[in-house]
């Protein structure tokens, strides 16, 4: 038996969600299925991409290097955009962290 360790490099892909539209003939109104809640409203990144940006920062990879790494894969992500995504994720995680640390300090 032999074993080999291999890796699949990060791949960028697009999730496409098609929501239906319905029109009522009687009242002439148009309705559409609601959008699922997103980490960044009206934003392009999926939660996995935002998580990758945050973990890369934990690994001390600055935004300008992440920008270059993503460009090699054909995806242009300016460092200001990466920083904006990280800030939005931090704002979403803030209540969770506050609750965890409040629980830790009382017990």
PDB file of N, CA and C in Angstrom:
ATOM      1  N   UNK A   1       0.851  -1.177   0.000  1.00  0.00           N
ATOM      2  CA  UNK A   1       0.000   0.000   0.000  1.00  0.00           C
ATOM      3  C   UNK A   1       0.893   1.235   0.000  1.00  0.00           C
ATOM      4  N   UNK A   2       0.474   2.229  -0.740  1.00  0.00           N
ATOM      5  CA  UNK A   2       1.188   3.502  -0.714  1.00  0.00           C
ATOM      6  C   UNK A   2       0.162   4.623  -0.617  1.00  0.00           C
ATOM      7  N   UNK A   3       0.561   5.678   0.044  1.00  0.00           N
ATOM      8  CA  UNK A   3      -0.298   6.834   0.207  1.00  0.00           C
ATOM      9  C   UNK A   3       0.441   8.074  -0.247  1.00  0.00           C
ATOM     10  N   UNK A   4      -0.297   9.004  -0.815  1.00  0.00           N
ATOM     11  CA  UNK A   4       0.280  10.279  -1.236  1.00  0.00           C
ATOM     12  C   UNK A   4      -0.644  11.399  -0.794  1.00  0.00           C
ATOM     13  N   UNK A   5      -0.041  12.417  -0.307  1.00  0.00           N
ATOM     14  CA  UNK A   5      -0.788  13.592   0.120  1.00  0.00           C
ATOM     15  C   UNK A   5      -0.833  14.580  -1.042  1.00  0.00           C
ATOM     16  N   UNK A   6      -2.002  15.060  -1.366  1.00  0.00           N
ATOM     17  CA  UNK A   6      -2.165  15.989  -2.482  1.00  0.00           C
ATOM     18  C   UNK A   6      -3.083  17.134  -2.028  1.00  0.00           C
ATOM     19  N   UNK A   7      -3.186  18.148  -2.838  1.00  0.00           N
ATOM     20  CA  UNK A   7      -4.020  19.304  -2.507  1.00  0.00           C
ATOM     21  C   UNK A   7      -4.725  19.798  -3.760  1.00  0.00           C
ATOM     22  N   UNK A   8      -5.936  20.270  -3.582  1.00  0.00           N
ATOM     23  CA  UNK A   8      -6.658  20.954  -4.650  1.00  0.00           C
ATOM     24  C   UNK A   8      -6.618  22.435  -4.288  1.00  0.00           C
ATOM     25  N   UNK A   9      -5.979  23.258  -5.113  1.00  0.00           N
ATOM     26  CA  UNK A   9      -5.906  24.685  -4.786  1.00  0.00           C
ATOM     27  C   UNK A   9      -7.296  25.306  -4.724  1.00  0.00           C
ATOM     28  N   UNK A  10      -7.383  26.436  -4.056  1.00  0.00           N
ATOM     29  CA  UNK A  10      -8.663  27.133  -3.933  1.00  0.00           C
ATOM     30  C   UNK A  10      -9.225  27.425  -5.316  1.00  0.00           C
ATOM     31  N   UNK A  11     -10.482  27.155  -5.487  1.00  0.00           N
ATOM     32  CA  UNK A  11     -11.157  27.414  -6.748  1.00  0.00           C
ATOM     33  C   UNK A  11     -12.288  28.406  -6.497  1.00  0.00           C
ATOM     34  N   UNK A  12     -12.409  29.367  -7.371  1.00  0.00           N
ATOM     35  CA  UNK A  12     -13.520  30.307  -7.288  1.00  0.00           C
ATOM     36  C   UNK A  12     -14.635  29.783  -8.179  1.00  0.00           C
ATOM     37  N   UNK A  13     -15.862  29.854  -7.688  1.00  0.00           N
ATOM     38  CA  UNK A  13     -17.008  29.463  -8.494  1.00  0.00           C
ATOM     39  C   UNK A  13     -18.198  30.311  -8.091  1.00  0.00           C
ATOM     40  N   UNK A  14     -19.202  30.314  -8.938  1.00  0.00           N
ATOM     41  CA  UNK A  14     -20.372  31.160  -8.726  1.00  0.00           C
ATOM     42  C   UNK A  14     -21.570  30.289  -8.376  1.00  0.00           C
ATOM     43  N   UNK A  15     -22.244  30.642  -7.292  1.00  0.00           N
ATOM     44  CA  UNK A  15     -23.528  30.033  -6.951  1.00  0.00           C
ATOM     45  C   UNK A  15     -24.601  30.883  -7.627  1.00  0.00           C
ATOM     46  N   UNK A  16     -25.432  30.266  -8.426  1.00  0.00           N
ATOM     47  CA  UNK A  16     -26.510  31.008  -9.071  1.00  0.00           C
ATOM     48  C   UNK A  16     -27.832  30.518  -8.505  1.00  0.00           C
ATOM     49  N   UNK A  17     -28.579  31.417  -7.901  1.00  0.00           N
ATOM     50  CA  UNK A  17     -29.886  31.097  -7.331  1.00  0.00           C
ATOM     51  C   UNK A  17     -30.950  31.822  -8.161  1.00  0.00           C
ATOM     52  N   UNK A  18     -31.827  31.065  -8.750  1.00  0.00           N
ATOM     53  CA  UNK A  18     -32.890  31.646  -9.566  1.00  0.00           C
ATOM     54  C   UNK A  18     -34.174  31.644  -8.744  1.00  0.00           C
ATOM     55  N   UNK A  19     -34.729  32.829  -8.546  1.00  0.00           N
ATOM     56  CA  UNK A  19     -35.978  32.970  -7.791  1.00  0.00           C
ATOM     57  C   UNK A  19     -37.110  33.223  -8.769  1.00  0.00           C
ATOM     58  N   UNK A  20     -38.205  32.547  -8.554  1.00  0.00           N
ATOM     59  CA  UNK A  20     -39.346  32.680  -9.450  1.00  0.00           C
ATOM     60  C   UNK A  20     -40.136  33.945  -9.215  1.00  0.00           C
ATOM     61  N   UNK A  21     -40.789  34.409 -10.272  1.00  0.00           N
ATOM     62  CA  UNK A  21     -41.700  35.546 -10.185  1.00  0.00           C
ATOM     63  C   UNK A  21     -43.081  35.050 -10.605  1.00  0.00           C
ATOM     64  N   UNK A  22     -44.089  35.544  -9.903  1.00  0.00           N
ATOM     65  CA  UNK A  22     -45.458  35.166 -10.219  1.00  0.00           C
ATOM     66  C   UNK A  22     -46.305  36.421 -10.367  1.00  0.00           C
ATOM     67  N   UNK A  23     -47.196  36.395 -11.329  1.00  0.00           N
ATOM     68  CA  UNK A  23     -48.101  37.515 -11.550  1.00  0.00           C
ATOM     69  C   UNK A  23     -49.532  37.034 -11.339  1.00  0.00           C
ATOM     70  N   UNK A  24     -50.302  37.853 -10.652  1.00  0.00           N
ATOM     71  CA  UNK A  24     -51.714  37.559 -10.416  1.00  0.00           C
ATOM     72  C   UNK A  24     -52.528  38.240 -11.511  1.00  0.00           C
ATOM     73  N   UNK A  25     -53.317  37.458 -12.234  1.00  0.00           N
ATOM     74  CA  UNK A  25     -54.125  38.029 -13.310  1.00  0.00           C
ATOM     75  C   UNK A  25     -55.250  38.914 -12.771  1.00  0.00           C
ATOM     76  N   UNK A  26     -55.743  38.560 -11.596  1.00  0.00           N
ATOM     77  CA  UNK A  26     -56.874  39.312 -11.034  1.00  0.00           C
ATOM     78  C   UNK A  26     -56.473  40.716 -10.588  1.00  0.00           C
ATOM     79  N   UNK A  27     -55.460  40.779  -9.732  1.00  0.00           N
ATOM     80  CA  UNK A  27     -55.106  42.080  -9.139  1.00  0.00           C
ATOM     81  C   UNK A  27     -53.895  42.731  -9.807  1.00  0.00           C
ATOM     82  N   UNK A  28     -53.353  42.097 -10.835  1.00  0.00           N
ATOM     83  CA  UNK A  28     -52.237  42.660 -11.598  1.00  0.00           C
ATOM     84  C   UNK A  28     -51.029  42.998 -10.718  1.00  0.00           C
ATOM     85  N   UNK A  29     -50.731  42.103  -9.759  1.00  0.00           N
ATOM     86  CA  UNK A  29     -49.550  42.314  -8.905  1.00  0.00           C
ATOM     87  C   UNK A  29     -48.506  41.266  -9.223  1.00  0.00           C
ATOM     88  N   UNK A  30     -47.294  41.640  -9.003  1.00  0.00           N
ATOM     89  CA  UNK A  30     -46.163  40.758  -9.236  1.00  0.00           C
ATOM     90  C   UNK A  30     -45.554  40.388  -7.892  1.00  0.00           C
ATOM     91  N   UNK A  31     -45.313  39.109  -7.671  1.00  0.00           N
ATOM     92  CA  UNK A  31     -44.663  38.688  -6.427  1.00  0.00           C
ATOM     93  C   UNK A  31     -43.463  37.824  -6.767  1.00  0.00           C
ATOM     94  N   UNK A  32     -42.494  37.839  -5.874  1.00  0.00           N
ATOM     95  CA  UNK A  32     -41.266  37.101  -6.095  1.00  0.00           C
ATOM     96  C   UNK A  32     -40.829  36.452  -4.791  1.00  0.00           C
ATOM     97  N   UNK A  33     -40.188  35.301  -4.896  1.00  0.00           N
ATOM     98  CA  UNK A  33     -39.688  34.599  -3.715  1.00  0.00           C
ATOM     99  C   UNK A  33     -38.657  35.480  -3.015  1.00  0.00           C
ATOM    100  N   UNK A  34     -38.660  35.500  -1.673  1.00  0.00           N
ATOM    101  CA  UNK A  34     -37.704  36.352  -0.958  1.00  0.00           C
ATOM    102  C   UNK A  34     -36.274  35.833  -1.079  1.00  0.00           C
ATOM    103  N   UNK A  35     -35.347  36.739  -0.936  1.00  0.00           N
ATOM    104  CA  UNK A  35     -33.925  36.399  -0.976  1.00  0.00           C
ATOM    105  C   UNK A  35     -33.528  35.808   0.372  1.00  0.00           C
ATOM    106  N   UNK A  36     -32.698  34.773   0.345  1.00  0.00           N
ATOM    107  CA  UNK A  36     -32.175  34.219   1.589  1.00  0.00           C
ATOM    108  C   UNK A  36     -31.297  35.266   2.273  1.00  0.00           C
ATOM    109  N   UNK A  37     -31.252  35.262   3.610  1.00  0.00           N
ATOM    110  CA  UNK A  37     -30.396  36.228   4.305  1.00  0.00           C
ATOM    111  C   UNK A  37     -28.920  36.026   3.927  1.00  0.00           C
ATOM    112  N   UNK A  38     -28.226  37.130   3.744  1.00  0.00           N
ATOM    113  CA  UNK A  38     -26.823  37.097   3.337  1.00  0.00           C
ATOM    114  C   UNK A  38     -25.955  37.729   4.417  1.00  0.00           C
ATOM    115  N   UNK A  39     -24.703  37.319   4.452  1.00  0.00           N
ATOM    116  CA  UNK A  39     -23.751  37.907   5.381  1.00  0.00           C
ATOM    117  C   UNK A  39     -23.514  39.373   5.022  1.00  0.00           C
ATOM    118  N   UNK A  40     -23.395  39.644   3.732  1.00  0.00           N
ATOM    119  CA  UNK A  40     -23.216  41.007   3.241  1.00  0.00           C
ATOM    120  C   UNK A  40     -24.368  41.283   2.283  1.00  0.00           C
ATOM    121  N   UNK A  41     -25.302  42.154   2.692  1.00  0.00           N
ATOM    122  CA  UNK A  41     -26.473  42.442   1.867  1.00  0.00           C
ATOM    123  C   UNK A  41     -26.067  43.008   0.514  1.00  0.00           C
ATOM    124  N   UNK A  42     -26.665  42.488  -0.535  1.00  0.00           N
ATOM    125  CA  UNK A  42     -26.421  42.903  -1.917  1.00  0.00           C
ATOM    126  C   UNK A  42     -24.950  42.783  -2.292  1.00  0.00           C
ATOM    127  N   UNK A  43     -24.235  41.903  -1.612  1.00  0.00           N
ATOM    128  CA  UNK A  43     -22.819  41.720  -1.883  1.00  0.00           C
ATOM    129  C   UNK A  43     -22.556  40.464  -2.691  1.00  0.00           C
ATOM    130  N   UNK A  44     -21.406  40.402  -3.289  1.00  0.00           N
ATOM    131  CA  UNK A  44     -21.024  39.283  -4.124  1.00  0.00           C
ATOM    132  C   UNK A  44     -20.498  38.073  -3.347  1.00  0.00           C
ATOM    133  N   UNK A  45     -19.787  38.262  -2.229  1.00  0.00           N
ATOM    134  CA  UNK A  45     -19.132  37.112  -1.616  1.00  0.00           C
ATOM    135  C   UNK A  45     -20.095  36.189  -0.862  1.00  0.00           C
ATOM    136  N   UNK A  46     -19.861  34.902  -1.027  1.00  0.00           N
ATOM    137  CA  UNK A  46     -20.566  33.893  -0.240  1.00  0.00           C
ATOM    138  C   UNK A  46     -19.857  33.769   1.111  1.00  0.00           C
ATOM    139  N   UNK A  47     -20.499  33.170   2.097  1.00  0.00           N
ATOM    140  CA  UNK A  47     -19.866  33.044   3.412  1.00  0.00           C
ATOM    141  C   UNK A  47     -18.515  32.318   3.377  1.00  0.00           C
ATOM    142  N   UNK A  48     -18.359  31.359   2.490  1.00  0.00           N
ATOM    143  CA  UNK A  48     -17.082  30.645   2.401  1.00  0.00           C
ATOM    144  C   UNK A  48     -15.935  31.539   1.968  1.00  0.00           C
ATOM    145  N   UNK A  49     -16.211  32.445   1.039  1.00  0.00           N
ATOM    146  CA  UNK A  49     -15.174  33.377   0.585  1.00  0.00           C
ATOM    147  C   UNK A  49     -14.801  34.364   1.683  1.00  0.00           C
ATOM    148  N   UNK A  50     -15.800  34.855   2.406  1.00  0.00           N
ATOM    149  CA  UNK A  50     -15.521  35.774   3.516  1.00  0.00           C
ATOM    150  C   UNK A  50     -14.716  35.051   4.598  1.00  0.00           C
ATOM    151  N   UNK A  51     -15.067  33.801   4.868  1.00  0.00           N
ATOM    152  CA  UNK A  51     -14.316  33.016   5.853  1.00  0.00           C
ATOM    153  C   UNK A  51     -12.867  32.833   5.408  1.00  0.00           C
ATOM    154  N   UNK A  52     -12.655  32.615   4.110  1.00  0.00           N
ATOM    155  CA  UNK A  52     -11.291  32.463   3.591  1.00  0.00           C
ATOM    156  C   UNK A  52     -10.481  33.738   3.800  1.00  0.00           C
ATOM    157  N   UNK A  53     -11.101  34.887   3.571  1.00  0.00           N
ATOM    158  CA  UNK A  53     -10.415  36.173   3.776  1.00  0.00           C
ATOM    159  C   UNK A  53     -10.030  36.331   5.240  1.00  0.00           C
ATOM    160  N   UNK A  54     -10.955  36.007   6.144  1.00  0.00           N
ATOM    161  CA  UNK A  54     -10.677  36.153   7.577  1.00  0.00           C
ATOM    162  C   UNK A  54      -9.598  35.180   8.052  1.00  0.00           C
ATOM    163  N   UNK A  55      -9.651  33.943   7.601  1.00  0.00           N
ATOM    164  CA  UNK A  55      -8.650  32.953   8.012  1.00  0.00           C
ATOM    165  C   UNK A  55      -7.282  33.329   7.456  1.00  0.00           C
ATOM    166  N   UNK A  56      -7.256  33.855   6.238  1.00  0.00           N
ATOM    167  CA  UNK A  56      -5.971  34.297   5.674  1.00  0.00           C
ATOM    168  C   UNK A  56      -5.364  35.426   6.504  1.00  0.00           C
ATOM    169  N   UNK A  57      -6.211  36.306   7.012  1.00  0.00           N
ATOM    170  CA  UNK A  57      -5.702  37.361   7.887  1.00  0.00           C
ATOM    171  C   UNK A  57      -5.170  36.775   9.190  1.00  0.00           C
ATOM    172  N   UNK A  58      -5.843  35.749   9.711  1.00  0.00           N
ATOM    173  CA  UNK A  58      -5.330  35.083  10.918  1.00  0.00           C
ATOM    174  C   UNK A  58      -3.980  34.428  10.660  1.00  0.00           C
ATOM    175  N   UNK A  59      -3.770  34.006   9.405  1.00  0.00           N
ATOM    176  CA  UNK A  59      -2.482  33.419   9.013  1.00  0.00           C
ATOM    177  C   UNK A  59      -1.474  34.489   8.609  1.00  0.00           C
ATOM    178  N   UNK A  60      -1.773  35.748   8.908  1.00  0.00           N
ATOM    179  CA  UNK A  60      -0.883  36.894   8.657  1.00  0.00           C
ATOM    180  C   UNK A  60      -0.616  37.123   7.172  1.00  0.00           C
ATOM    181  N   UNK A  61      -1.621  36.865   6.339  1.00  0.00           N
ATOM    182  CA  UNK A  61      -1.512  37.188   4.920  1.00  0.00           C
ATOM    183  C   UNK A  61      -2.233  38.513   4.706  1.00  0.00           C
ATOM    184  N   UNK A  62      -1.488  39.573   4.402  1.00  0.00           N
ATOM    185  CA  UNK A  62      -2.120  40.886   4.254  1.00  0.00           C
ATOM    186  C   UNK A  62      -3.017  40.939   3.015  1.00  0.00           C
ATOM    187  N   UNK A  63      -3.868  41.954   2.980  1.00  0.00           N
ATOM    188  CA  UNK A  63      -4.829  42.068   1.892  1.00  0.00           C
ATOM    189  C   UNK A  63      -4.152  42.212   0.529  1.00  0.00           C
ATOM    190  N   UNK A  64      -3.030  42.913   0.448  1.00  0.00           N
ATOM    191  CA  UNK A  64      -2.386  43.080  -0.848  1.00  0.00           C
ATOM    192  C   UNK A  64      -1.876  41.746  -1.385  1.00  0.00           C
ATOM    193  N   UNK A  65      -1.462  40.837  -0.492  1.00  0.00           N
ATOM    194  CA  UNK A  65      -1.041  39.507  -0.955  1.00  0.00           C
ATOM    195  C   UNK A  65      -2.241  38.657  -1.330  1.00  0.00           C
ATOM    196  N   UNK A  66      -3.337  38.781  -0.584  1.00  0.00           N
ATOM    197  CA  UNK A  66      -4.554  38.054  -0.953  1.00  0.00           C
ATOM    198  C   UNK A  66      -5.054  38.526  -2.317  1.00  0.00           C
ATOM    199  N   UNK A  67      -4.942  39.826  -2.565  1.00  0.00           N
ATOM    200  CA  UNK A  67      -5.337  40.382  -3.857  1.00  0.00           C
ATOM    201  C   UNK A  67      -4.530  39.740  -4.985  1.00  0.00           C
ATOM    202  N   UNK A  68      -3.226  39.585  -4.782  1.00  0.00           N
ATOM    203  CA  UNK A  68      -2.358  38.975  -5.787  1.00  0.00           C
ATOM    204  C   UNK A  68      -2.668  37.492  -5.962  1.00  0.00           C
ATOM    205  N   UNK A  69      -2.894  36.797  -4.865  1.00  0.00           N
ATOM    206  CA  UNK A  69      -3.214  35.362  -4.923  1.00  0.00           C
ATOM    207  C   UNK A  69      -4.513  35.151  -5.705  1.00  0.00           C
ATOM    208  N   UNK A  70      -5.521  35.966  -5.416  1.00  0.00           N
ATOM    209  CA  UNK A  70      -6.796  35.837  -6.120  1.00  0.00           C
ATOM    210  C   UNK A  70      -6.655  36.200  -7.600  1.00  0.00           C
ATOM    211  N   UNK A  71      -5.823  37.179  -7.906  1.00  0.00           N
ATOM    212  CA  UNK A  71      -5.613  37.578  -9.298  1.00  0.00           C
ATOM    213  C   UNK A  71      -4.995  36.439 -10.110  1.00  0.00           C
ATOM    214  N   UNK A  72      -4.134  35.629  -9.490  1.00  0.00           N
ATOM    215  CA  UNK A  72      -3.566  34.472 -10.197  1.00  0.00           C
ATOM    216  C   UNK A  72      -4.640  33.479 -10.603  1.00  0.00           C
ATOM    217  N   UNK A  73      -5.751  33.463  -9.861  1.00  0.00           N
ATOM    218  CA  UNK A  73      -6.874  32.581 -10.200  1.00  0.00           C
ATOM    219  C   UNK A  73      -7.866  33.271 -11.130  1.00  0.00           C
ATOM    220  N   UNK A  74      -7.565  34.490 -11.533  1.00  0.00           N
ATOM    221  CA  UNK A  74      -8.418  35.205 -12.465  1.00  0.00           C
ATOM    222  C   UNK A  74      -9.529  36.006 -11.824  1.00  0.00           C
ATOM    223  N   UNK A  75      -9.462  36.225 -10.507  1.00  0.00           N
ATOM    224  CA  UNK A  75     -10.496  36.970  -9.800  1.00  0.00           C
ATOM    225  C   UNK A  75      -9.884  38.252  -9.245  1.00  0.00           C
ATOM    226  N   UNK A  76     -10.423  39.391  -9.683  1.00  0.00           N
ATOM    227  CA  UNK A  76      -9.924  40.683  -9.218  1.00  0.00           C
ATOM    228  C   UNK A  76     -10.672  41.082  -7.949  1.00  0.00           C
ATOM    229  N   UNK A  77      -9.988  41.086  -6.826  1.00  0.00           N
ATOM    230  CA  UNK A  77     -10.565  41.504  -5.549  1.00  0.00           C
ATOM    231  C   UNK A  77      -9.646  42.559  -4.952  1.00  0.00           C
ATOM    232  N   UNK A  78      -9.977  43.821  -5.131  1.00  0.00           N
ATOM    233  CA  UNK A  78      -9.136  44.880  -4.570  1.00  0.00           C
ATOM    234  C   UNK A  78      -9.025  44.754  -3.056  1.00  0.00           C
ATOM    235  N   UNK A  79      -7.916  45.196  -2.536  1.00  0.00           N
ATOM    236  CA  UNK A  79      -7.693  45.070  -1.086  1.00  0.00           C
ATOM    237  C   UNK A  79      -8.712  45.866  -0.285  1.00  0.00           C
ATOM    238  N   UNK A  80      -9.210  46.965  -0.843  1.00  0.00           N
ATOM    239  CA  UNK A  80     -10.248  47.714  -0.131  1.00  0.00           C
ATOM    240  C   UNK A  80     -11.532  46.891  -0.023  1.00  0.00           C
ATOM    241  N   UNK A  81     -11.818  46.115  -1.045  1.00  0.00           N
ATOM    242  CA  UNK A  81     -13.000  45.247  -1.015  1.00  0.00           C
ATOM    243  C   UNK A  81     -12.819  44.145   0.016  1.00  0.00           C
ATOM    244  N   UNK A  82     -11.638  43.545   0.053  1.00  0.00           N
ATOM    245  CA  UNK A  82     -11.356  42.490   1.036  1.00  0.00           C
ATOM    246  C   UNK A  82     -11.493  43.032   2.455  1.00  0.00           C
ATOM    247  N   UNK A  83     -10.973  44.242   2.672  1.00  0.00           N
ATOM    248  CA  UNK A  83     -11.072  44.863   3.999  1.00  0.00           C
ATOM    249  C   UNK A  83     -12.527  45.169   4.350  1.00  0.00           C
ATOM    250  N   UNK A  84     -13.298  45.591   3.365  1.00  0.00           N
ATOM    251  CA  UNK A  84     -14.717  45.872   3.585  1.00  0.00           C
ATOM    252  C   UNK A  84     -15.468  44.600   3.969  1.00  0.00           C
ATOM    253  N   UNK A  85     -15.178  43.492   3.276  1.00  0.00           N
ATOM    254  CA  UNK A  85     -15.811  42.211   3.604  1.00  0.00           C
ATOM    255  C   UNK A  85     -15.452  41.783   5.024  1.00  0.00           C
ATOM    256  N   UNK A  86     -14.192  41.936   5.390  1.00  0.00           N
ATOM    257  CA  UNK A  86     -13.760  41.546   6.732  1.00  0.00           C
ATOM    258  C   UNK A  86     -14.437  42.420   7.792  1.00  0.00           C
ATOM    259  N   UNK A  87     -14.573  43.704   7.512  1.00  0.00           N
ATOM    260  CA  UNK A  87     -15.247  44.600   8.452  1.00  0.00           C
ATOM    261  C   UNK A  87     -16.715  44.241   8.620  1.00  0.00           C
ATOM    262  N   UNK A  88     -17.382  43.904   7.515  1.00  0.00           N
ATOM    263  CA  UNK A  88     -18.794  43.518   7.585  1.00  0.00           C
ATOM    264  C   UNK A  88     -18.955  42.213   8.360  1.00  0.00           C
ATOM    265  N   UNK A  89     -18.043  41.277   8.135  1.00  0.00           N
ATOM    266  CA  UNK A  89     -18.098  40.011   8.875  1.00  0.00           C
ATOM    267  C   UNK A  89     -17.851  40.247  10.355  1.00  0.00           C
ATOM    268  N   UNK A  90     -16.913  41.121  10.675  1.00  0.00           N
ATOM    269  CA  UNK A  90     -16.644  41.449  12.075  1.00  0.00           C
ATOM    270  C   UNK A  90     -17.840  42.079  12.754  1.00  0.00           C
ATOM    271  N   UNK A  91     -18.542  42.938  12.025  1.00  0.00           N
ATOM    272  CA  UNK A  91     -19.737  43.568  12.587  1.00  0.00           C
ATOM    273  C   UNK A  91     -20.829  42.536  12.855  1.00  0.00           C
ATOM    274  N   UNK A  92     -20.943  41.546  11.973  1.00  0.00           N
ATOM    275  CA  UNK A  92     -21.936  40.483  12.167  1.00  0.00           C
ATOM    276  C   UNK A  92     -21.547  39.562  13.324  1.00  0.00           C
ATOM    277  N   UNK A  93     -20.254  39.369  13.528  1.00  0.00           N
ATOM    278  CA  UNK A  93     -19.782  38.468  14.588  1.00  0.00           C
ATOM    279  C   UNK A  93     -19.696  39.148  15.947  1.00  0.00           C
ATOM    280  N   UNK A  94     -19.740  40.460  15.988  1.00  0.00           N
ATOM    281  CA  UNK A  94     -19.570  41.192  17.240  1.00  0.00           C
ATOM    282  C   UNK A  94     -20.566  40.788  18.333  1.00  0.00           C
ATOM    283  N   UNK A  95     -21.869  40.685  18.031  1.00  0.00           N
ATOM    284  CA  UNK A  95     -22.797  40.276  19.101  1.00  0.00           C
ATOM    285  C   UNK A  95     -22.505  38.867  19.625  1.00  0.00           C
ATOM    286  N   UNK A  96     -22.090  37.989  18.749  1.00  0.00           N
ATOM    287  CA  UNK A  96     -21.760  36.630  19.170  1.00  0.00           C
ATOM    288  C   UNK A  96     -20.555  36.626  20.104  1.00  0.00           C
ATOM    289  N   UNK A  97     -19.524  37.387  19.757  1.00  0.00           N
ATOM    290  CA  UNK A  97     -18.329  37.461  20.602  1.00  0.00           C
ATOM    291  C   UNK A  97     -18.638  38.132  21.932  1.00  0.00           C
ATOM    292  N   UNK A  98     -19.449  39.182  21.907  1.00  0.00           N
ATOM    293  CA  UNK A  98     -19.803  39.884  23.143  1.00  0.00           C
ATOM    294  C   UNK A  98     -20.556  38.953  24.088  1.00  0.00           C
ATOM    295  N   UNK A  99     -21.457  38.169  23.542  1.00  0.00           N
ATOM    296  CA  UNK A  99     -22.218  37.234  24.366  1.00  0.00           C
ATOM    297  C   UNK A  99     -21.304  36.152  24.943  1.00  0.00           C
ATOM    298  N   UNK A 100     -20.375  35.671  24.135  1.00  0.00           N
ATOM    299  CA  UNK A 100     -19.470  34.621  24.609  1.00  0.00           C
ATOM    300  C   UNK A 100     -18.571  35.142  25.728  1.00  0.00           C
ATOM    301  N   UNK A 101     -18.009  36.341  25.563  1.00  0.00           N
ATOM    302  CA  UNK A 101     -17.124  36.880  26.586  1.00  0.00           C
ATOM    303  C   UNK A 101     -17.885  37.313  27.826  1.00  0.00           C
ATOM    304  N   UNK A 102     -19.128  37.740  27.673  1.00  0.00           N
ATOM    305  CA  UNK A 102     -19.946  38.075  28.840  1.00  0.00           C
ATOM    306  C   UNK A 102     -20.236  36.813  29.651  1.00  0.00           C
ATOM    307  N   UNK A 103     -20.494  35.720  28.952  1.00  0.00           N
ATOM    308  CA  UNK A 103     -20.754  34.448  29.614  1.00  0.00           C
ATOM    309  C   UNK A 103     -19.489  33.957  30.333  1.00  0.00           C
ATOM    310  N   UNK A 104     -18.345  34.140  29.710  1.00  0.00           N
ATOM    311  CA  UNK A 104     -17.082  33.683  30.272  1.00  0.00           C
ATOM    312  C   UNK A 104     -16.709  34.463  31.538  1.00  0.00           C
ATOM    313  N   UNK A 105     -17.010  35.772  31.527  1.00  0.00           N
ATOM    314  CA  UNK A 105     -16.618  36.598  32.686  1.00  0.00           C
ATOM    315  C   UNK A 105     -17.541  36.379  33.895  1.00  0.00           C
ATOM    316  N   UNK A 106     -18.769  35.892  33.669  1.00  0.00           N
ATOM    317  CA  UNK A 106     -19.680  35.680  34.794  1.00  0.00           C
ATOM    318  C   UNK A 106     -19.528  34.310  35.407  1.00  0.00           C
ATOM    319  N   UNK A 107     -18.952  33.370  34.692  1.00  0.00           N
ATOM    320  CA  UNK A 107     -18.928  32.013  35.204  1.00  0.00           C
ATOM    321  C   UNK A 107     -17.592  31.542  35.527  1.00  0.00           C
TER     322      UNK A 107
END
